[in-house]
Amino acid sequence: MSVRSCLTVREAAARIGVGPWTIRKLEMEGRIPPARRDPLSRYRVYDDADIARIRAAIAEMGQVAG
């Protein structure tokens, strides 16, 4: 998948229904792998597989907390 067809952290967060900081925190805590970066802007970019991993990590957190 090309970087152009990927989402930024803000776009990915909006699609999932969380804030961008939630995704960054999941990455910092090691719950999801580090995001790929756009070679020009260095922004984090996410594809559909990344979105699925983020959703799974959030769901897992909910199960652990509940």
PDB file of N, CA and C in Angstrom:
ATOM      1  N   MET A   1       0.849  -1.175   0.000  1.00  0.00           N
ATOM      2  CA  MET A   1       0.000   0.000   0.000  1.00  0.00           C
ATOM      3  C   MET A   1       0.892   1.235   0.000  1.00  0.00           C
ATOM      4  N   SER A   2       0.583   2.167  -0.847  1.00  0.00           N
ATOM      5  CA  SER A   2       1.410   3.365  -0.923  1.00  0.00           C
ATOM      6  C   SER A   2       1.114   4.282   0.256  1.00  0.00           C
ATOM      7  N   VAL A   3       2.068   5.118   0.578  1.00  0.00           N
ATOM      8  CA  VAL A   3       1.902   6.053   1.691  1.00  0.00           C
ATOM      9  C   VAL A   3       0.738   6.988   1.409  1.00  0.00           C
ATOM     10  N   ARG A   4       0.521   7.333   0.158  1.00  0.00           N
ATOM     11  CA  ARG A   4      -0.564   8.246  -0.201  1.00  0.00           C
ATOM     12  C   ARG A   4      -1.944   7.680   0.161  1.00  0.00           C
ATOM     13  N   SER A   5      -2.099   6.357   0.157  1.00  0.00           N
ATOM     14  CA  SER A   5      -3.396   5.755   0.470  1.00  0.00           C
ATOM     15  C   SER A   5      -3.537   5.453   1.954  1.00  0.00           C
ATOM     16  N   CYS A   6      -2.587   5.864   2.747  1.00  0.00           N
ATOM     17  CA  CYS A   6      -2.626   5.643   4.195  1.00  0.00           C
ATOM     18  C   CYS A   6      -3.218   6.851   4.900  1.00  0.00           C
ATOM     19  N   LEU A   7      -3.548   6.646   6.163  1.00  0.00           N
ATOM     20  CA  LEU A   7      -4.127   7.691   6.992  1.00  0.00           C
ATOM     21  C   LEU A   7      -3.084   8.262   7.944  1.00  0.00           C
ATOM     22  N   THR A   8      -3.221   9.534   8.274  1.00  0.00           N
ATOM     23  CA  THR A   8      -2.389  10.131   9.317  1.00  0.00           C
ATOM     24  C   THR A   8      -2.917   9.677  10.670  1.00  0.00           C
ATOM     25  N   VAL A   9      -2.192   9.969  11.722  1.00  0.00           N
ATOM     26  CA  VAL A   9      -2.627   9.575  13.061  1.00  0.00           C
ATOM     27  C   VAL A   9      -3.972  10.220  13.392  1.00  0.00           C
ATOM     28  N   ARG A  10      -4.172  11.437  12.981  1.00  0.00           N
ATOM     29  CA  ARG A  10      -5.447  12.131  13.244  1.00  0.00           C
ATOM     30  C   ARG A  10      -6.594  11.455  12.491  1.00  0.00           C
ATOM     31  N   GLU A  11      -6.356  11.110  11.226  1.00  0.00           N
ATOM     32  CA  GLU A  11      -7.382  10.453  10.423  1.00  0.00           C
ATOM     33  C   GLU A  11      -7.686   9.047  10.947  1.00  0.00           C
ATOM     34  N   ALA A  12      -6.630   8.323  11.321  1.00  0.00           N
ATOM     35  CA  ALA A  12      -6.814   6.969  11.860  1.00  0.00           C
ATOM     36  C   ALA A  12      -7.599   7.030  13.167  1.00  0.00           C
ATOM     37  N   ALA A  13      -7.252   7.969  14.021  1.00  0.00           N
ATOM     38  CA  ALA A  13      -7.945   8.112  15.299  1.00  0.00           C
ATOM     39  C   ALA A  13      -9.426   8.429  15.084  1.00  0.00           C
ATOM     40  N   ALA A  14      -9.716   9.306  14.142  1.00  0.00           N
ATOM     41  CA  ALA A  14     -11.112   9.649  13.850  1.00  0.00           C
ATOM     42  C   ALA A  14     -11.872   8.428  13.345  1.00  0.00           C
ATOM     43  N   ARG A  15     -11.244   7.624  12.513  1.00  0.00           N
ATOM     44  CA  ARG A  15     -11.895   6.423  11.984  1.00  0.00           C
ATOM     45  C   ARG A  15     -12.208   5.429  13.113  1.00  0.00           C
ATOM     46  N   ILE A  16     -11.305   5.329  14.087  1.00  0.00           N
ATOM     47  CA  ILE A  16     -11.465   4.376  15.185  1.00  0.00           C
ATOM     48  C   ILE A  16     -12.388   4.934  16.272  1.00  0.00           C
ATOM     49  N   GLY A  17     -12.415   6.250  16.412  1.00  0.00           N
ATOM     50  CA  GLY A  17     -13.241   6.871  17.443  1.00  0.00           C
ATOM     51  C   GLY A  17     -12.497   7.165  18.726  1.00  0.00           C
ATOM     52  N   VAL A  18     -11.188   7.404  18.599  1.00  0.00           N
ATOM     53  CA  VAL A  18     -10.358   7.780  19.749  1.00  0.00           C
ATOM     54  C   VAL A  18      -9.587   9.043  19.389  1.00  0.00           C
ATOM     55  N   GLY A  19      -8.870   9.582  20.342  1.00  0.00           N
ATOM     56  CA  GLY A  19      -8.019  10.729  20.061  1.00  0.00           C
ATOM     57  C   GLY A  19      -6.657  10.277  19.542  1.00  0.00           C
ATOM     58  N   PRO A  20      -5.964  11.147  18.808  1.00  0.00           N
ATOM     59  CA  PRO A  20      -4.639  10.802  18.299  1.00  0.00           C
ATOM     60  C   PRO A  20      -3.672  10.386  19.408  1.00  0.00           C
ATOM     61  N   TRP A  21      -3.803  11.000  20.577  1.00  0.00           N
ATOM     62  CA  TRP A  21      -2.893  10.673  21.670  1.00  0.00           C
ATOM     63  C   TRP A  21      -3.030   9.213  22.080  1.00  0.00           C
ATOM     64  N   THR A  22      -4.232   8.654  21.970  1.00  0.00           N
ATOM     65  CA  THR A  22      -4.443   7.246  22.327  1.00  0.00           C
ATOM     66  C   THR A  22      -3.562   6.345  21.462  1.00  0.00           C
ATOM     67  N   ILE A  23      -3.515   6.622  20.174  1.00  0.00           N
ATOM     68  CA  ILE A  23      -2.693   5.814  19.266  1.00  0.00           C
ATOM     69  C   ILE A  23      -1.214   5.998  19.595  1.00  0.00           C
ATOM     70  N   ARG A  24      -0.803   7.226  19.828  1.00  0.00           N
ATOM     71  CA  ARG A  24       0.609   7.474  20.173  1.00  0.00           C
ATOM     72  C   ARG A  24       0.976   6.749  21.468  1.00  0.00           C
ATOM     73  N   LYS A  25       0.065   6.774  22.447  1.00  0.00           N
ATOM     74  CA  LYS A  25       0.326   6.119  23.731  1.00  0.00           C
ATOM     75  C   LYS A  25       0.434   4.605  23.559  1.00  0.00           C
ATOM     76  N   LEU A  26      -0.438   4.015  22.753  1.00  0.00           N
ATOM     77  CA  LEU A  26      -0.361   2.573  22.492  1.00  0.00           C
ATOM     78  C   LEU A  26       0.998   2.214  21.899  1.00  0.00           C
ATOM     79  N   GLU A  27       1.489   3.056  21.017  1.00  0.00           N
ATOM     80  CA  GLU A  27       2.797   2.819  20.407  1.00  0.00           C
ATOM     81  C   GLU A  27       3.913   2.952  21.446  1.00  0.00           C
ATOM     82  N   MET A  28       3.855   3.987  22.266  1.00  0.00           N
ATOM     83  CA  MET A  28       4.898   4.196  23.277  1.00  0.00           C
ATOM     84  C   MET A  28       4.926   3.069  24.300  1.00  0.00           C
ATOM     85  N   GLU A  29       3.753   2.515  24.610  1.00  0.00           N
ATOM     86  CA  GLU A  29       3.670   1.424  25.589  1.00  0.00           C
ATOM     87  C   GLU A  29       4.012   0.067  24.980  1.00  0.00           C
ATOM     88  N   GLY A  30       4.216   0.022  23.672  1.00  0.00           N
ATOM     89  CA  GLY A  30       4.563  -1.228  23.010  1.00  0.00           C
ATOM     90  C   GLY A  30       3.370  -2.128  22.727  1.00  0.00           C
ATOM     91  N   ARG A  31       2.166  -1.596  22.837  1.00  0.00           N
ATOM     92  CA  ARG A  31       0.962  -2.393  22.573  1.00  0.00           C
ATOM     93  C   ARG A  31       0.713  -2.573  21.078  1.00  0.00           C
ATOM     94  N   ILE A  32       1.238  -1.653  20.268  1.00  0.00           N
ATOM     95  CA  ILE A  32       1.198  -1.777  18.809  1.00  0.00           C
ATOM     96  C   ILE A  32       2.605  -1.490  18.293  1.00  0.00           C
ATOM     97  N   PRO A  33       2.954  -2.026  17.129  1.00  0.00           N
ATOM     98  CA  PRO A  33       4.288  -1.754  16.587  1.00  0.00           C
ATOM     99  C   PRO A  33       4.426  -0.285  16.183  1.00  0.00           C
ATOM    100  N   PRO A  34       5.645   0.228  16.148  1.00  0.00           N
ATOM    101  CA  PRO A  34       5.839   1.608  15.705  1.00  0.00           C
ATOM    102  C   PRO A  34       5.265   1.810  14.302  1.00  0.00           C
ATOM    103  N   ALA A  35       4.631   2.950  14.115  1.00  0.00           N
ATOM    104  CA  ALA A  35       4.018   3.261  12.826  1.00  0.00           C
ATOM    105  C   ALA A  35       5.084   3.545  11.772  1.00  0.00           C
ATOM    106  N   ARG A  36       4.714   3.227  10.533  1.00  0.00           N
ATOM    107  CA  ARG A  36       5.581   3.660   9.424  1.00  0.00           C
ATOM    108  C   ARG A  36       5.502   5.177   9.339  1.00  0.00           C
ATOM    109  N   ARG A  37       6.477   5.765   8.712  1.00  0.00           N
ATOM    110  CA  ARG A  37       6.516   7.222   8.581  1.00  0.00           C
ATOM    111  C   ARG A  37       6.530   7.613   7.109  1.00  0.00           C
ATOM    112  N   ASP A  38       5.814   8.682   6.803  1.00  0.00           N
ATOM    113  CA  ASP A  38       5.867   9.245   5.466  1.00  0.00           C
ATOM    114  C   ASP A  38       7.288   9.744   5.243  1.00  0.00           C
ATOM    115  N   PRO A  39       7.912   9.384   4.113  1.00  0.00           N
ATOM    116  CA  PRO A  39       9.316   9.759   3.916  1.00  0.00           C
ATOM    117  C   PRO A  39       9.554  11.264   3.811  1.00  0.00           C
ATOM    118  N   LEU A  40       8.558  12.012   3.402  1.00  0.00           N
ATOM    119  CA  LEU A  40       8.742  13.456   3.270  1.00  0.00           C
ATOM    120  C   LEU A  40       8.350  14.216   4.533  1.00  0.00           C
ATOM    121  N   SER A  41       7.172  13.946   5.043  1.00  0.00           N
ATOM    122  CA  SER A  41       6.674  14.703   6.198  1.00  0.00           C
ATOM    123  C   SER A  41       7.108  14.104   7.531  1.00  0.00           C
ATOM    124  N   ARG A  42       7.460  12.820   7.530  1.00  0.00           N
ATOM    125  CA  ARG A  42       7.796  12.046   8.727  1.00  0.00           C
ATOM    126  C   ARG A  42       6.581  11.822   9.623  1.00  0.00           C
ATOM    127  N   TYR A  43       5.365  12.129   9.120  1.00  0.00           N
ATOM    128  CA  TYR A  43       4.139  11.835   9.871  1.00  0.00           C
ATOM    129  C   TYR A  43       3.955  10.331   9.970  1.00  0.00           C
ATOM    130  N   ARG A  44       3.360   9.879  11.059  1.00  0.00           N
ATOM    131  CA  ARG A  44       2.963   8.475  11.165  1.00  0.00           C
ATOM    132  C   ARG A  44       1.879   8.217  10.123  1.00  0.00           C
ATOM    133  N   VAL A  45       1.914   7.038   9.504  1.00  0.00           N
ATOM    134  CA  VAL A  45       0.878   6.669   8.536  1.00  0.00           C
ATOM    135  C   VAL A  45       0.373   5.263   8.851  1.00  0.00           C
ATOM    136  N   TYR A  46      -0.917   5.055   8.635  1.00  0.00           N
ATOM    137  CA  TYR A  46      -1.587   3.815   8.995  1.00  0.00           C
ATOM    138  C   TYR A  46      -2.418   3.306   7.835  1.00  0.00           C
ATOM    139  N   ASP A  47      -2.368   1.985   7.609  1.00  0.00           N
ATOM    140  CA  ASP A  47      -3.217   1.369   6.591  1.00  0.00           C
ATOM    141  C   ASP A  47      -4.302   0.551   7.289  1.00  0.00           C
ATOM    142  N   ASP A  48      -5.099  -0.178   6.532  1.00  0.00           N
ATOM    143  CA  ASP A  48      -6.208  -0.934   7.111  1.00  0.00           C
ATOM    144  C   ASP A  48      -5.742  -1.983   8.118  1.00  0.00           C
ATOM    145  N   ALA A  49      -4.627  -2.633   7.846  1.00  0.00           N
ATOM    146  CA  ALA A  49      -4.100  -3.634   8.783  1.00  0.00           C
ATOM    147  C   ALA A  49      -3.684  -2.969  10.101  1.00  0.00           C
ATOM    148  N   ASP A  50      -3.090  -1.784  10.015  1.00  0.00           N
ATOM    149  CA  ASP A  50      -2.713  -1.051  11.223  1.00  0.00           C
ATOM    150  C   ASP A  50      -3.950  -0.681  12.034  1.00  0.00           C
ATOM    151  N   ILE A  51      -5.003  -0.245  11.349  1.00  0.00           N
ATOM    152  CA  ILE A  51      -6.248   0.126  12.025  1.00  0.00           C
ATOM    153  C   ILE A  51      -6.799  -1.083  12.779  1.00  0.00           C
ATOM    154  N   ALA A  52      -6.765  -2.242  12.140  1.00  0.00           N
ATOM    155  CA  ALA A  52      -7.256  -3.469  12.794  1.00  0.00           C
ATOM    156  C   ALA A  52      -6.429  -3.786  14.037  1.00  0.00           C
ATOM    157  N   ARG A  53      -5.101  -3.627  13.964  1.00  0.00           N
ATOM    158  CA  ARG A  53      -4.242  -3.888  15.130  1.00  0.00           C
ATOM    159  C   ARG A  53      -4.537  -2.907  16.261  1.00  0.00           C
ATOM    160  N   ILE A  54      -4.762  -1.654  15.902  1.00  0.00           N
ATOM    161  CA  ILE A  54      -5.055  -0.642  16.927  1.00  0.00           C
ATOM    162  C   ILE A  54      -6.384  -0.964  17.603  1.00  0.00           C
ATOM    163  N   ARG A  55      -7.396  -1.305  16.799  1.00  0.00           N
ATOM    164  CA  ARG A  55      -8.698  -1.668  17.380  1.00  0.00           C
ATOM    165  C   ARG A  55      -8.568  -2.867  18.315  1.00  0.00           C
ATOM    166  N   ALA A  56      -7.780  -3.858  17.922  1.00  0.00           N
ATOM    167  CA  ALA A  56      -7.580  -5.047  18.756  1.00  0.00           C
ATOM    168  C   ALA A  56      -6.892  -4.670  20.065  1.00  0.00           C
ATOM    169  N   ALA A  57      -5.899  -3.793  19.999  1.00  0.00           N
ATOM    170  CA  ALA A  57      -5.189  -3.364  21.205  1.00  0.00           C
ATOM    171  C   ALA A  57      -6.118  -2.619  22.141  1.00  0.00           C
ATOM    172  N   ILE A  58      -6.981  -1.775  21.589  1.00  0.00           N
ATOM    173  CA  ILE A  58      -7.942  -1.027  22.414  1.00  0.00           C
ATOM    174  C   ILE A  58      -8.937  -1.992  23.048  1.00  0.00           C
ATOM    175  N   ALA A  59      -9.416  -2.962  22.275  1.00  0.00           N
ATOM    176  CA  ALA A  59     -10.353  -3.949  22.807  1.00  0.00           C
ATOM    177  C   ALA A  59      -9.716  -4.761  23.921  1.00  0.00           C
ATOM    178  N   GLU A  60      -8.464  -5.136  23.735  1.00  0.00           N
ATOM    179  CA  GLU A  60      -7.746  -5.892  24.752  1.00  0.00           C
ATOM    180  C   GLU A  60      -7.602  -5.084  26.036  1.00  0.00           C
ATOM    181  N   MET A  61      -7.319  -3.807  25.903  1.00  0.00           N
ATOM    182  CA  MET A  61      -7.207  -2.943  27.079  1.00  0.00           C
ATOM    183  C   MET A  61      -8.528  -2.903  27.832  1.00  0.00           C
ATOM    184  N   GLY A  62      -9.631  -2.842  27.088  1.00  0.00           N
ATOM    185  CA  GLY A  62     -10.946  -2.819  27.714  1.00  0.00           C
ATOM    186  C   GLY A  62     -11.248  -4.097  28.466  1.00  0.00           C
ATOM    187  N   GLN A  63     -10.815  -5.218  27.931  1.00  0.00           N
ATOM    188  CA  GLN A  63     -11.049  -6.512  28.581  1.00  0.00           C
ATOM    189  C   GLN A  63     -10.213  -6.628  29.846  1.00  0.00           C
ATOM    190  N   VAL A  64      -8.988  -6.109  29.796  1.00  0.00           N
ATOM    191  CA  VAL A  64      -8.106  -6.178  30.959  1.00  0.00           C
ATOM    192  C   VAL A  64      -8.631  -5.255  32.057  1.00  0.00           C
ATOM    193  N   ALA A  65      -9.066  -4.045  31.658  1.00  0.00           N
ATOM    194  CA  ALA A  65      -9.532  -3.068  32.647  1.00  0.00           C
ATOM    195  C   ALA A  65     -10.887  -3.443  33.246  1.00  0.00           C
ATOM    196  N   GLY A  66     -11.715  -4.142  32.453  1.00  0.00           N
ATOM    197  CA  GLY A  66     -13.068  -4.447  32.913  1.00  0.00           C
ATOM    198  C   GLY A  66     -13.092  -5.674  33.699  1.00  0.00           C
TER     199      GLY A  66
END
